[in-house]
């Protein structure tokens, strides 16, 4: 059981760190997770 199972998530990745799409791919392996928004931003 995961802490994000059966949850809705918003993902904000970092351009110089881990991109949002990479996090999304990992999160979607958990059962019944709905990704509402995933983006990669540049924080300066």
C-alpha atoms as a PDB file:
ATOM      1  CA  UNK A   1       0.000   0.000   0.000  1.00  0.00           C
ATOM      2  CA  UNK A   2       1.247   3.450  -0.923  1.00  0.00           C
ATOM      3  CA  UNK A   3       0.461   6.802   0.681  1.00  0.00           C
ATOM      4  CA  UNK A   4      -0.690   8.127  -2.705  1.00  0.00           C
ATOM      5  CA  UNK A   5      -2.928   5.166  -3.573  1.00  0.00           C
ATOM      6  CA  UNK A   6      -6.484   6.266  -4.465  1.00  0.00           C
ATOM      7  CA  UNK A   7      -5.436   9.956  -4.535  1.00  0.00           C
ATOM      8  CA  UNK A   8      -5.363  12.830  -7.026  1.00  0.00           C
ATOM      9  CA  UNK A   9      -1.935  14.423  -7.494  1.00  0.00           C
ATOM     10  CA  UNK A  10      -0.390  17.567  -8.959  1.00  0.00           C
ATOM     11  CA  UNK A  11       3.236  17.243 -10.080  1.00  0.00           C
ATOM     12  CA  UNK A  12       5.673  20.112 -10.575  1.00  0.00           C
ATOM     13  CA  UNK A  13       9.111  19.045 -11.744  1.00  0.00           C
ATOM     14  CA  UNK A  14      12.302  21.074 -12.002  1.00  0.00           C
ATOM     15  CA  UNK A  15      14.183  21.692 -15.238  1.00  0.00           C
ATOM     16  CA  UNK A  16      17.582  21.196 -13.564  1.00  0.00           C
ATOM     17  CA  UNK A  17      16.337  18.379 -11.323  1.00  0.00           C
ATOM     18  CA  UNK A  18      13.722  15.756 -12.040  1.00  0.00           C
ATOM     19  CA  UNK A  19      11.312  16.631 -14.883  1.00  0.00           C
ATOM     20  CA  UNK A  20       7.573  16.477 -14.200  1.00  0.00           C
ATOM     21  CA  UNK A  21       6.985  13.823 -16.848  1.00  0.00           C
ATOM     22  CA  UNK A  22       9.531  11.494 -15.203  1.00  0.00           C
ATOM     23  CA  UNK A  23       7.761  11.866 -11.857  1.00  0.00           C
ATOM     24  CA  UNK A  24       4.419  11.268 -13.582  1.00  0.00           C
ATOM     25  CA  UNK A  25       5.660   7.983 -15.070  1.00  0.00           C
ATOM     26  CA  UNK A  26       6.676   6.775 -11.599  1.00  0.00           C
ATOM     27  CA  UNK A  27       3.465   7.921  -9.899  1.00  0.00           C
ATOM     28  CA  UNK A  28       1.270   6.219 -12.481  1.00  0.00           C
ATOM     29  CA  UNK A  29       2.655   2.821 -11.442  1.00  0.00           C
ATOM     30  CA  UNK A  30       0.662   3.143  -8.188  1.00  0.00           C
ATOM     31  CA  UNK A  31      -2.853   1.752  -8.347  1.00  0.00           C
ATOM     32  CA  UNK A  32      -5.796   4.174  -8.688  1.00  0.00           C
ATOM     33  CA  UNK A  33      -3.757   7.395  -8.834  1.00  0.00           C
ATOM     34  CA  UNK A  34      -5.125  10.238 -10.948  1.00  0.00           C
ATOM     35  CA  UNK A  35      -2.591  12.810 -12.184  1.00  0.00           C
ATOM     36  CA  UNK A  36      -4.462  16.095 -12.530  1.00  0.00           C
ATOM     37  CA  UNK A  37      -1.524  18.215 -13.699  1.00  0.00           C
ATOM     38  CA  UNK A  38       2.133  17.558 -14.516  1.00  0.00           C
ATOM     39  CA  UNK A  39       4.619  20.214 -15.615  1.00  0.00           C
ATOM     40  CA  UNK A  40       8.313  21.006 -15.656  1.00  0.00           C
ATOM     41  CA  UNK A  41       9.218  24.509 -14.520  1.00  0.00           C
ATOM     42  CA  UNK A  42      12.415  26.548 -14.297  1.00  0.00           C
ATOM     43  CA  UNK A  43      12.931  28.000 -10.835  1.00  0.00           C
ATOM     44  CA  UNK A  44      15.419  30.866 -10.896  1.00  0.00           C
END
